[in-house]
Full PDB file with SEQRES, HELIX, SHEET, SSBOND, CRYST1, ORIGX, SCALE, CONECT and MASTER records, all heavy atoms in Angstrom:
SEQRES   1 A   40  LEU VAL ALA ASN ILE THR SER GLY GLY SER THR ASN TYR          
SEQRES   2 A   40  ALA ASP SER VAL LYS GLY ARG PHE THR ILE SER ARG ASP          
SEQRES   3 A   40  SER ALA LYS ASN THR MET TYR LEU GLN MET TYR SER LEU          
SEQRES   4 A   40  LYS                                                          
HELIX    1 AA1 ASP A   15  VAL A   17  5                                   3    
HELIX    2 AA2 SER A   27  LYS A   29  5                                   3    
SHEET    1 AA1 2 ALA A   3  ILE A   5  0                                        
SHEET    2 AA1 2 THR A  11  TYR A  13 -1                                        
SHEET    1 AA2 2 PHE A  21  ASP A  26  0                                        
SHEET    2 AA2 2 THR A  31  MET A  36 -1                                        
CRYST1    1.000    1.000    1.000  90.00  90.00  90.00 P 1           1          
ORIGX1      1.000000  0.000000  0.000000        0.00000                         
ORIGX2      0.000000  1.000000  0.000000        0.00000                         
ORIGX3      0.000000  0.000000  1.000000        0.00000                         
SCALE1      1.000000  0.000000  0.000000        0.00000                         
SCALE2      0.000000  1.000000  0.000000        0.00000                         
SCALE3      0.000000  0.000000  1.000000        0.00000                         
ATOM      1  N   LEU A   1       0.846  -1.178   0.000  1.00  0.00           N  
ATOM      2  CA  LEU A   1       0.000   0.000   0.000  1.00  0.00           C  
ATOM      3  C   LEU A   1       0.888   1.236   0.000  1.00  0.00           C  
ATOM      4  O   LEU A   1       1.809   1.340   0.819  1.00  0.00           O  
ATOM      5  CB  LEU A   1      -0.919   0.000   1.223  1.00  0.00           C  
ATOM      6  CG  LEU A   1      -1.959   1.104   1.304  1.00  0.00           C  
ATOM      7  CD1 LEU A   1      -3.223   0.584   1.985  1.00  0.00           C  
ATOM      8  CD2 LEU A   1      -1.446   2.321   2.038  1.00  0.00           C  
ATOM      9  N   VAL A   2       0.618   2.150  -0.901  1.00  0.00           N  
ATOM     10  CA  VAL A   2       1.378   3.386  -0.984  1.00  0.00           C  
ATOM     11  C   VAL A   2       0.668   4.492  -0.220  1.00  0.00           C  
ATOM     12  O   VAL A   2       1.270   5.186   0.603  1.00  0.00           O  
ATOM     13  CB  VAL A   2       1.569   3.814  -2.453  1.00  0.00           C  
ATOM     14  CG1 VAL A   2       2.283   5.157  -2.545  1.00  0.00           C  
ATOM     15  CG2 VAL A   2       2.335   2.737  -3.223  1.00  0.00           C  
ATOM     16  N   ALA A   3      -0.625   4.658  -0.506  1.00  0.00           N  
ATOM     17  CA  ALA A   3      -1.400   5.705   0.145  1.00  0.00           C  
ATOM     18  C   ALA A   3      -2.880   5.416  -0.026  1.00  0.00           C  
ATOM     19  O   ALA A   3      -3.277   4.768  -0.997  1.00  0.00           O  
ATOM     20  CB  ALA A   3      -1.072   7.074  -0.458  1.00  0.00           C  
ATOM     21  N   ASN A   4      -3.683   5.896   0.905  1.00  0.00           N  
ATOM     22  CA  ASN A   4      -5.120   5.825   0.728  1.00  0.00           C  
ATOM     23  C   ASN A   4      -5.770   7.095   1.232  1.00  0.00           C  
ATOM     24  O   ASN A   4      -5.187   7.854   2.001  1.00  0.00           O  
ATOM     25  CB  ASN A   4      -5.721   4.577   1.378  1.00  0.00           C  
ATOM     26  CG  ASN A   4      -5.514   4.515   2.882  1.00  0.00           C  
ATOM     27  OD1 ASN A   4      -5.515   5.532   3.555  1.00  0.00           O  
ATOM     28  ND2 ASN A   4      -5.363   3.323   3.390  1.00  0.00           N  
ATOM     29  N   ILE A   5      -6.991   7.292   0.768  1.00  0.00           N  
ATOM     30  CA  ILE A   5      -7.761   8.469   1.161  1.00  0.00           C  
ATOM     31  C   ILE A   5      -9.209   8.051   1.327  1.00  0.00           C  
ATOM     32  O   ILE A   5      -9.762   7.341   0.488  1.00  0.00           O  
ATOM     33  CB  ILE A   5      -7.602   9.621   0.138  1.00  0.00           C  
ATOM     34  CG1 ILE A   5      -8.333  10.879   0.600  1.00  0.00           C  
ATOM     35  CG2 ILE A   5      -8.052   9.196  -1.262  1.00  0.00           C  
ATOM     36  CD1 ILE A   5      -7.950  12.131  -0.178  1.00  0.00           C  
ATOM     37  N   THR A   6      -9.808   8.479   2.431  1.00  0.00           N  
ATOM     38  CA  THR A   6     -11.190   8.105   2.712  1.00  0.00           C  
ATOM     39  C   THR A   6     -12.152   9.117   2.096  1.00  0.00           C  
ATOM     40  O   THR A   6     -11.746  10.162   1.589  1.00  0.00           O  
ATOM     41  CB  THR A   6     -11.428   8.049   4.222  1.00  0.00           C  
ATOM     42  OG1 THR A   6     -11.342   9.382   4.743  1.00  0.00           O  
ATOM     43  CG2 THR A   6     -10.403   7.159   4.906  1.00  0.00           C  
ATOM     44  N   SER A   7     -13.436   8.791   2.188  1.00  0.00           N  
ATOM     45  CA  SER A   7     -14.453   9.705   1.667  1.00  0.00           C  
ATOM     46  C   SER A   7     -14.437  11.036   2.415  1.00  0.00           C  
ATOM     47  O   SER A   7     -14.806  12.064   1.861  1.00  0.00           O  
ATOM     48  CB  SER A   7     -15.832   9.062   1.762  1.00  0.00           C  
ATOM     49  OG  SER A   7     -16.107   8.687   3.096  1.00  0.00           O  
ATOM     50  N   GLY A   8     -13.979  10.986   3.657  1.00  0.00           N  
ATOM     51  CA  GLY A   8     -13.899  12.218   4.434  1.00  0.00           C  
ATOM     52  C   GLY A   8     -12.626  13.004   4.214  1.00  0.00           C  
ATOM     53  O   GLY A   8     -12.459  14.088   4.783  1.00  0.00           O  
ATOM     54  N   GLY A   9     -11.724  12.455   3.434  1.00  0.00           N  
ATOM     55  CA  GLY A   9     -10.492  13.156   3.117  1.00  0.00           C  
ATOM     56  C   GLY A   9      -9.298  12.787   3.971  1.00  0.00           C  
ATOM     57  O   GLY A   9      -8.201  13.348   3.787  1.00  0.00           O  
ATOM     58  N   SER A  10      -9.464  11.852   4.885  1.00  0.00           N  
ATOM     59  CA  SER A  10      -8.322  11.411   5.692  1.00  0.00           C  
ATOM     60  C   SER A  10      -7.367  10.600   4.832  1.00  0.00           C  
ATOM     61  O   SER A  10      -7.796   9.801   4.005  1.00  0.00           O  
ATOM     62  CB  SER A  10      -8.805  10.559   6.863  1.00  0.00           C  
ATOM     63  OG  SER A  10      -9.619  11.313   7.725  1.00  0.00           O  
ATOM     64  N   THR A  11      -6.080  10.823   5.063  1.00  0.00           N  
ATOM     65  CA  THR A  11      -5.074  10.154   4.245  1.00  0.00           C  
ATOM     66  C   THR A  11      -4.131   9.321   5.105  1.00  0.00           C  
ATOM     67  O   THR A  11      -3.961   9.576   6.307  1.00  0.00           O  
ATOM     68  CB  THR A  11      -4.247  11.169   3.445  1.00  0.00           C  
ATOM     69  OG1 THR A  11      -3.633  12.093   4.360  1.00  0.00           O  
ATOM     70  CG2 THR A  11      -5.116  11.935   2.468  1.00  0.00           C  
ATOM     71  N   ASN A  12      -3.523   8.362   4.454  1.00  0.00           N  
ATOM     72  CA  ASN A  12      -2.555   7.498   5.115  1.00  0.00           C  
ATOM     73  C   ASN A  12      -1.487   7.145   4.093  1.00  0.00           C  
ATOM     74  O   ASN A  12      -1.804   6.913   2.912  1.00  0.00           O  
ATOM     75  CB  ASN A  12      -3.246   6.225   5.602  1.00  0.00           C  
ATOM     76  CG  ASN A  12      -2.280   5.267   6.261  1.00  0.00           C  
ATOM     77  OD1 ASN A  12      -1.613   5.605   7.221  1.00  0.00           O  
ATOM     78  ND2 ASN A  12      -2.182   4.057   5.727  1.00  0.00           N  
ATOM     79  N   TYR A  13      -0.223   7.121   4.540  1.00  0.00           N  
ATOM     80  CA  TYR A  13       0.886   6.875   3.623  1.00  0.00           C  
ATOM     81  C   TYR A  13       1.828   5.814   4.172  1.00  0.00           C  
ATOM     82  O   TYR A  13       2.015   5.706   5.387  1.00  0.00           O  
ATOM     83  CB  TYR A  13       1.695   8.153   3.401  1.00  0.00           C  
ATOM     84  CG  TYR A  13       0.940   9.269   2.731  1.00  0.00           C  
ATOM     85  CD1 TYR A  13       0.255  10.220   3.476  1.00  0.00           C  
ATOM     86  CD2 TYR A  13       0.910   9.368   1.342  1.00  0.00           C  
ATOM     87  CE1 TYR A  13      -0.451  11.234   2.861  1.00  0.00           C  
ATOM     88  CE2 TYR A  13       0.211  10.387   0.715  1.00  0.00           C  
ATOM     89  CZ  TYR A  13      -0.468  11.311   1.483  1.00  0.00           C  
ATOM     90  OH  TYR A  13      -1.165  12.324   0.858  1.00  0.00           O  
ATOM     91  N   ALA A  14       2.428   5.080   3.260  1.00  0.00           N  
ATOM     92  CA  ALA A  14       3.519   4.202   3.650  1.00  0.00           C  
ATOM     93  C   ALA A  14       4.679   5.064   4.136  1.00  0.00           C  
ATOM     94  O   ALA A  14       4.899   6.172   3.627  1.00  0.00           O  
ATOM     95  CB  ALA A  14       3.969   3.354   2.462  1.00  0.00           C  
ATOM     96  N   ASP A  15       5.411   4.577   5.116  1.00  0.00           N  
ATOM     97  CA  ASP A  15       6.530   5.349   5.654  1.00  0.00           C  
ATOM     98  C   ASP A  15       7.528   5.731   4.565  1.00  0.00           C  
ATOM     99  O   ASP A  15       8.125   6.808   4.608  1.00  0.00           O  
ATOM    100  CB  ASP A  15       7.239   4.548   6.748  1.00  0.00           C  
ATOM    101  CG  ASP A  15       6.422   4.450   8.022  1.00  0.00           C  
ATOM    102  OD1 ASP A  15       5.475   5.256   8.194  1.00  0.00           O  
ATOM    103  OD2 ASP A  15       6.720   3.580   8.854  1.00  0.00           O  
ATOM    104  N   SER A  16       7.698   4.858   3.614  1.00  0.00           N  
ATOM    105  CA  SER A  16       8.707   5.078   2.578  1.00  0.00           C  
ATOM    106  C   SER A  16       8.377   6.248   1.641  1.00  0.00           C  
ATOM    107  O   SER A  16       9.259   6.737   0.927  1.00  0.00           O  
ATOM    108  CB  SER A  16       8.892   3.807   1.745  1.00  0.00           C  
ATOM    109  OG  SER A  16       7.665   3.421   1.147  1.00  0.00           O  
ATOM    110  N   VAL A  17       7.123   6.699   1.642  1.00  0.00           N  
ATOM    111  CA  VAL A  17       6.741   7.789   0.730  1.00  0.00           C  
ATOM    112  C   VAL A  17       6.267   9.037   1.456  1.00  0.00           C  
ATOM    113  O   VAL A  17       5.987  10.053   0.805  1.00  0.00           O  
ATOM    114  CB  VAL A  17       5.664   7.322  -0.273  1.00  0.00           C  
ATOM    115  CG1 VAL A  17       6.097   6.056  -0.987  1.00  0.00           C  
ATOM    116  CG2 VAL A  17       4.311   7.129   0.393  1.00  0.00           C  
ATOM    117  N   LYS A  18       6.190   8.984   2.760  1.00  0.00           N  
ATOM    118  CA  LYS A  18       5.716  10.150   3.520  1.00  0.00           C  
ATOM    119  C   LYS A  18       6.590  11.360   3.234  1.00  0.00           C  
ATOM    120  O   LYS A  18       7.818  11.267   3.228  1.00  0.00           O  
ATOM    121  CB  LYS A  18       5.728   9.839   5.016  1.00  0.00           C  
ATOM    122  CG  LYS A  18       4.542   9.054   5.495  1.00  0.00           C  
ATOM    123  CD  LYS A  18       4.615   8.807   6.997  1.00  0.00           C  
ATOM    124  CE  LYS A  18       3.451   7.963   7.467  1.00  0.00           C  
ATOM    125  NZ  LYS A  18       3.552   7.622   8.897  1.00  0.00           N  
ATOM    126  N   GLY A  19       5.924  12.481   3.005  1.00  0.00           N  
ATOM    127  CA  GLY A  19       6.651  13.705   2.730  1.00  0.00           C  
ATOM    128  C   GLY A  19       7.039  13.874   1.276  1.00  0.00           C  
ATOM    129  O   GLY A  19       7.495  14.949   0.876  1.00  0.00           O  
ATOM    130  N   ARG A  20       6.878  12.813   0.486  1.00  0.00           N  
ATOM    131  CA  ARG A  20       7.233  12.902  -0.941  1.00  0.00           C  
ATOM    132  C   ARG A  20       6.026  12.707  -1.862  1.00  0.00           C  
ATOM    133  O   ARG A  20       5.992  13.265  -2.960  1.00  0.00           O  
ATOM    134  CB  ARG A  20       8.281  11.835  -1.284  1.00  0.00           C  
ATOM    135  CG  ARG A  20       9.574  11.957  -0.517  1.00  0.00           C  
ATOM    136  CD  ARG A  20      10.641  11.000  -1.046  1.00  0.00           C  
ATOM    137  NE  ARG A  20      10.255   9.606  -0.910  1.00  0.00           N  
ATOM    138  CZ  ARG A  20      10.125   8.762  -1.939  1.00  0.00           C  
ATOM    139  NH1 ARG A  20      10.364   9.174  -3.175  1.00  0.00           N  
ATOM    140  NH2 ARG A  20       9.780   7.500  -1.730  1.00  0.00           N  
ATOM    141  N   PHE A  21       5.060  11.916  -1.428  1.00  0.00           N  
ATOM    142  CA  PHE A  21       3.872  11.620  -2.241  1.00  0.00           C  
ATOM    143  C   PHE A  21       2.649  12.264  -1.603  1.00  0.00           C  
ATOM    144  O   PHE A  21       2.549  12.362  -0.378  1.00  0.00           O  
ATOM    145  CB  PHE A  21       3.637  10.115  -2.321  1.00  0.00           C  
ATOM    146  CG  PHE A  21       4.639   9.345  -3.139  1.00  0.00           C  
ATOM    147  CD1 PHE A  21       5.835   9.901  -3.571  1.00  0.00           C  
ATOM    148  CD2 PHE A  21       4.383   8.016  -3.464  1.00  0.00           C  
ATOM    149  CE1 PHE A  21       6.747   9.174  -4.311  1.00  0.00           C  
ATOM    150  CE2 PHE A  21       5.292   7.273  -4.198  1.00  0.00           C  
ATOM    151  CZ  PHE A  21       6.475   7.864  -4.622  1.00  0.00           C  
ATOM    152  N   THR A  22       1.713  12.662  -2.454  1.00  0.00           N  
ATOM    153  CA  THR A  22       0.445  13.207  -1.978  1.00  0.00           C  
ATOM    154  C   THR A  22      -0.699  12.569  -2.752  1.00  0.00           C  
ATOM    155  O   THR A  22      -0.726  12.605  -3.985  1.00  0.00           O  
ATOM    156  CB  THR A  22       0.388  14.728  -2.166  1.00  0.00           C  
ATOM    157  OG1 THR A  22       1.467  15.334  -1.437  1.00  0.00           O  
ATOM    158  CG2 THR A  22      -0.938  15.280  -1.646  1.00  0.00           C  
ATOM    159  N   ILE A  23      -1.629  11.991  -2.013  1.00  0.00           N  
ATOM    160  CA  ILE A  23      -2.825  11.424  -2.616  1.00  0.00           C  
ATOM    161  C   ILE A  23      -3.956  12.437  -2.520  1.00  0.00           C  
ATOM    162  O   ILE A  23      -4.072  13.171  -1.541  1.00  0.00           O  
ATOM    163  CB  ILE A  23      -3.219  10.091  -1.944  1.00  0.00           C  
ATOM    164  CG1 ILE A  23      -4.350   9.399  -2.702  1.00  0.00           C  
ATOM    165  CG2 ILE A  23      -3.584  10.284  -0.477  1.00  0.00           C  
ATOM    166  CD1 ILE A  23      -4.652   7.988  -2.205  1.00  0.00           C  
ATOM    167  N   SER A  24      -4.775  12.491  -3.562  1.00  0.00           N  
ATOM    168  CA  SER A  24      -5.928  13.390  -3.545  1.00  0.00           C  
ATOM    169  C   SER A  24      -7.045  12.757  -4.363  1.00  0.00           C  
ATOM    170  O   SER A  24      -6.822  11.788  -5.106  1.00  0.00           O  
ATOM    171  CB  SER A  24      -5.565  14.772  -4.087  1.00  0.00           C  
ATOM    172  OG  SER A  24      -5.115  14.682  -5.431  1.00  0.00           O  
ATOM    173  N   ARG A  25      -8.228  13.312  -4.214  1.00  0.00           N  
ATOM    174  CA  ARG A  25      -9.372  12.780  -4.940  1.00  0.00           C  
ATOM    175  C   ARG A  25     -10.300  13.907  -5.353  1.00  0.00           C  
ATOM    176  O   ARG A  25     -10.379  14.932  -4.672  1.00  0.00           O  
ATOM    177  CB  ARG A  25     -10.127  11.756  -4.093  1.00  0.00           C  
ATOM    178  CG  ARG A  25     -10.746  12.313  -2.828  1.00  0.00           C  
ATOM    179  CD  ARG A  25     -11.267  11.206  -1.925  1.00  0.00           C  
ATOM    180  NE  ARG A  25     -12.518  10.640  -2.402  1.00  0.00           N  
ATOM    181  CZ  ARG A  25     -13.097   9.565  -1.869  1.00  0.00           C  
ATOM    182  NH1 ARG A  25     -12.525   8.939  -0.862  1.00  0.00           N  
ATOM    183  NH2 ARG A  25     -14.246   9.116  -2.341  1.00  0.00           N  
ATOM    184  N   ASP A  26     -10.973  13.682  -6.462  1.00  0.00           N  
ATOM    185  CA  ASP A  26     -12.052  14.553  -6.905  1.00  0.00           C  
ATOM    186  C   ASP A  26     -13.283  13.661  -6.962  1.00  0.00           C  
ATOM    187  O   ASP A  26     -13.520  12.964  -7.952  1.00  0.00           O  
ATOM    188  CB  ASP A  26     -11.729  15.151  -8.274  1.00  0.00           C  
ATOM    189  CG  ASP A  26     -12.769  16.155  -8.735  1.00  0.00           C  
ATOM    190  OD1 ASP A  26     -13.937  16.065  -8.260  1.00  0.00           O  
ATOM    191  OD2 ASP A  26     -12.442  17.015  -9.543  1.00  0.00           O  
ATOM    192  N   SER A  27     -14.041  13.668  -5.883  1.00  0.00           N  
ATOM    193  CA  SER A  27     -15.175  12.746  -5.783  1.00  0.00           C  
ATOM    194  C   SER A  27     -16.225  13.009  -6.857  1.00  0.00           C  
ATOM    195  O   SER A  27     -16.849  12.070  -7.352  1.00  0.00           O  
ATOM    196  CB  SER A  27     -15.794  12.846  -4.394  1.00  0.00           C  
ATOM    197  OG  SER A  27     -14.872  12.431  -3.404  1.00  0.00           O  
ATOM    198  N   ALA A  28     -16.410  14.256  -7.218  1.00  0.00           N  
ATOM    199  CA  ALA A  28     -17.414  14.582  -8.237  1.00  0.00           C  
ATOM    200  C   ALA A  28     -17.071  13.945  -9.574  1.00  0.00           C  
ATOM    201  O   ALA A  28     -17.952  13.619 -10.366  1.00  0.00           O  
ATOM    202  CB  ALA A  28     -17.539  16.089  -8.376  1.00  0.00           C  
ATOM    203  N   LYS A  29     -15.780  13.771  -9.824  1.00  0.00           N  
ATOM    204  CA  LYS A  29     -15.324  13.190 -11.084  1.00  0.00           C  
ATOM    205  C   LYS A  29     -14.926  11.725 -10.944  1.00  0.00           C  
ATOM    206  O   LYS A  29     -14.452  11.128 -11.907  1.00  0.00           O  
ATOM    207  CB  LYS A  29     -14.131  13.985 -11.627  1.00  0.00           C  
ATOM    208  CG  LYS A  29     -14.445  15.421 -11.989  1.00  0.00           C  
ATOM    209  CD  LYS A  29     -13.209  16.118 -12.553  1.00  0.00           C  
ATOM    210  CE  LYS A  29     -13.514  17.551 -12.946  1.00  0.00           C  
ATOM    211  NZ  LYS A  29     -12.313  18.252 -13.475  1.00  0.00           N  
ATOM    212  N   ASN A  30     -15.100  11.170  -9.738  1.00  0.00           N  
ATOM    213  CA  ASN A  30     -14.654   9.782  -9.497  1.00  0.00           C  
ATOM    214  C   ASN A  30     -13.218   9.584  -9.969  1.00  0.00           C  
ATOM    215  O   ASN A  30     -12.900   8.617 -10.679  1.00  0.00           O  
ATOM    216  CB  ASN A  30     -15.585   8.789 -10.202  1.00  0.00           C  
ATOM    217  CG  ASN A  30     -16.857   8.521  -9.416  1.00  0.00           C  
ATOM    218  OD1 ASN A  30     -17.666   7.667  -9.785  1.00  0.00           O  
ATOM    219  ND2 ASN A  30     -17.048   9.235  -8.324  1.00  0.00           N  
ATOM    220  N   THR A  31     -12.368  10.499  -9.560  1.00  0.00           N  
ATOM    221  CA  THR A  31     -10.968  10.476  -9.990  1.00  0.00           C  
ATOM    222  C   THR A  31     -10.067  10.624  -8.771  1.00  0.00           C  
ATOM    223  O   THR A  31     -10.401  11.342  -7.832  1.00  0.00           O  
ATOM    224  CB  THR A  31     -10.687  11.600 -10.986  1.00  0.00           C  
ATOM    225  OG1 THR A  31     -11.544  11.442 -12.122  1.00  0.00           O  
ATOM    226  CG2 THR A  31      -9.244  11.566 -11.462  1.00  0.00           C  
ATOM    227  N   MET A  32      -8.952   9.923  -8.810  1.00  0.00           N  
ATOM    228  CA  MET A  32      -7.958  10.049  -7.756  1.00  0.00           C  
ATOM    229  C   MET A  32      -6.601  10.320  -8.381  1.00  0.00           C  
ATOM    230  O   MET A  32      -6.381  10.001  -9.561  1.00  0.00           O  
ATOM    231  CB  MET A  32      -7.904   8.787  -6.893  1.00  0.00           C  
ATOM    232  CG  MET A  32      -7.570   7.524  -7.671  1.00  0.00           C  
ATOM    233  SD  MET A  32      -7.845   6.011  -6.737  1.00  0.00           S  
ATOM    234  CE  MET A  32      -6.485   6.050  -5.593  1.00  0.00           C  
ATOM    235  N   TYR A  33      -5.705  10.883  -7.585  1.00  0.00           N  
ATOM    236  CA  TYR A  33      -4.397  11.266  -8.075  1.00  0.00           C  
ATOM    237  C   TYR A  33      -3.320  10.843  -7.077  1.00  0.00           C  
ATOM    238  O   TYR A  33      -3.586  10.693  -5.881  1.00  0.00           O  
ATOM    239  CB  TYR A  33      -4.315  12.785  -8.264  1.00  0.00           C  
ATOM    240  CG  TYR A  33      -5.410  13.364  -9.119  1.00  0.00           C  
ATOM    241  CD1 TYR A  33      -6.565  13.889  -8.539  1.00  0.00           C  
ATOM    242  CD2 TYR A  33      -5.306  13.368 -10.504  1.00  0.00           C  
ATOM    243  CE1 TYR A  33      -7.588  14.408  -9.315  1.00  0.00           C  
ATOM    244  CE2 TYR A  33      -6.319  13.888 -11.297  1.00  0.00           C  
ATOM    245  CZ  TYR A  33      -7.459  14.406 -10.692  1.00  0.00           C  
ATOM    246  OH  TYR A  33      -8.471  14.913 -11.474  1.00  0.00           O  
ATOM    247  N   LEU A  34      -2.128  10.678  -7.599  1.00  0.00           N  
ATOM    248  CA  LEU A  34      -0.961  10.480  -6.748  1.00  0.00           C  
ATOM    249  C   LEU A  34       0.150  11.371  -7.293  1.00  0.00           C  
ATOM    250  O   LEU A  34       0.689  11.095  -8.373  1.00  0.00           O  
ATOM    251  CB  LEU A  34      -0.518   9.019  -6.727  1.00  0.00           C  
ATOM    252  CG  LEU A  34       0.604   8.706  -5.736  1.00  0.00           C  
ATOM    253  CD1 LEU A  34       0.106   8.845  -4.290  1.00  0.00           C  
ATOM    254  CD2 LEU A  34       1.162   7.298  -5.963  1.00  0.00           C  
ATOM    255  N   GLN A  35       0.428  12.434  -6.564  1.00  0.00           N  
ATOM    256  CA  GLN A  35       1.528  13.325  -6.933  1.00  0.00           C  
ATOM    257  C   GLN A  35       2.785  12.815  -6.247  1.00  0.00           C  
ATOM    258  O   GLN A  35       2.811  12.683  -5.026  1.00  0.00           O  
ATOM    259  CB  GLN A  35       1.219  14.752  -6.503  1.00  0.00           C  
ATOM    260  CG  GLN A  35       2.322  15.735  -6.825  1.00  0.00           C  
ATOM    261  CD  GLN A  35       2.495  15.949  -8.313  1.00  0.00           C  
ATOM    262  OE1 GLN A  35       1.566  16.319  -9.004  1.00  0.00           O  
ATOM    263  NE2 GLN A  35       3.710  15.714  -8.809  1.00  0.00           N  
ATOM    264  N   MET A  36       3.809  12.567  -7.053  1.00  0.00           N  
ATOM    265  CA  MET A  36       5.043  11.986  -6.527  1.00  0.00           C  
ATOM    266  C   MET A  36       6.204  12.944  -6.776  1.00  0.00           C  
ATOM    267  O   MET A  36       6.455  13.328  -7.927  1.00  0.00           O  
ATOM    268  CB  MET A  36       5.315  10.636  -7.193  1.00  0.00           C  
ATOM    269  CG  MET A  36       4.167   9.644  -7.049  1.00  0.00           C  
ATOM    270  SD  MET A  36       4.514   8.027  -7.758  1.00  0.00           S  
ATOM    271  CE  MET A  36       4.532   8.420  -9.499  1.00  0.00           C  
ATOM    272  N   TYR A  37       6.871  13.323  -5.720  1.00  0.00           N  
ATOM    273  CA  TYR A  37       8.042  14.195  -5.794  1.00  0.00           C  
ATOM    274  C   TYR A  37       9.270  13.440  -5.301  1.00  0.00           C  
ATOM    275  O   TYR A  37       9.167  12.426  -4.621  1.00  0.00           O  
ATOM    276  CB  TYR A  37       7.846  15.439  -4.923  1.00  0.00           C  
ATOM    277  CG  TYR A  37       6.734  16.356  -5.336  1.00  0.00           C  
ATOM    278  CD1 TYR A  37       5.533  16.381  -4.622  1.00  0.00           C  
ATOM    279  CD2 TYR A  37       6.873  17.209  -6.424  1.00  0.00           C  
ATOM    280  CE1 TYR A  37       4.504  17.243  -4.985  1.00  0.00           C  
ATOM    281  CE2 TYR A  37       5.847  18.069  -6.791  1.00  0.00           C  
ATOM    282  CZ  TYR A  37       4.674  18.076  -6.073  1.00  0.00           C  
ATOM    283  OH  TYR A  37       3.654  18.924  -6.442  1.00  0.00           O  
ATOM    284  N   SER A  38      10.435  14.002  -5.609  1.00  0.00           N  
ATOM    285  CA  SER A  38      11.705  13.445  -5.116  1.00  0.00           C  
ATOM    286  C   SER A  38      11.770  11.939  -5.307  1.00  0.00           C  
ATOM    287  O   SER A  38      12.105  11.188  -4.384  1.00  0.00           O  
ATOM    288  CB  SER A  38      11.874  13.792  -3.622  1.00  0.00           C  
ATOM    289  OG  SER A  38      11.844  15.178  -3.427  1.00  0.00           O  
ATOM    290  N   LEU A  39      11.450  11.511  -6.499  1.00  0.00           N  
ATOM    291  CA  LEU A  39      11.403  10.081  -6.783  1.00  0.00           C  
ATOM    292  C   LEU A  39      12.772   9.434  -6.650  1.00  0.00           C  
ATOM    293  O   LEU A  39      13.807  10.049  -6.965  1.00  0.00           O  
ATOM    294  CB  LEU A  39      10.815   9.839  -8.165  1.00  0.00           C  
ATOM    295  CG  LEU A  39       9.291   9.995  -8.232  1.00  0.00           C  
ATOM    296  CD1 LEU A  39       8.817  10.221  -9.646  1.00  0.00           C  
ATOM    297  CD2 LEU A  39       8.619   8.773  -7.630  1.00  0.00           C  
ATOM    298  N   LYS A  40      12.747   8.189  -6.183  1.00  0.00           N  
ATOM    299  CA  LYS A  40      13.965   7.414  -5.971  1.00  0.00           C  
ATOM    300  C   LYS A  40      13.905   6.146  -6.814  1.00  0.00           C  
ATOM    301  O   LYS A  40      12.805   5.666  -7.132  1.00  0.00           O  
ATOM    302  CB  LYS A  40      14.076   7.035  -4.496  1.00  0.00           C  
ATOM    303  CG  LYS A  40      14.032   8.202  -3.526  1.00  0.00           C  
ATOM    304  CD  LYS A  40      14.040   7.695  -2.094  1.00  0.00           C  
ATOM    305  CE  LYS A  40      13.967   8.856  -1.095  1.00  0.00           C  
ATOM    306  NZ  LYS A  40      13.976   8.376   0.303  1.00  0.00           N  
TER     307      LYS A  40                                                      
MASTER        0    0    0    2    4    0    0    6  306    1    0    4          
END                                                                             
């Protein structure tokens, strides 16, 4: 598991990606995103 986001917007990340990845969602569009920075 890399990251998850609940319907309420709560997020959770694997330790290995914390601070580098951001999960987000657009519920109206049924779309989710994973922004990844400082890739290794």
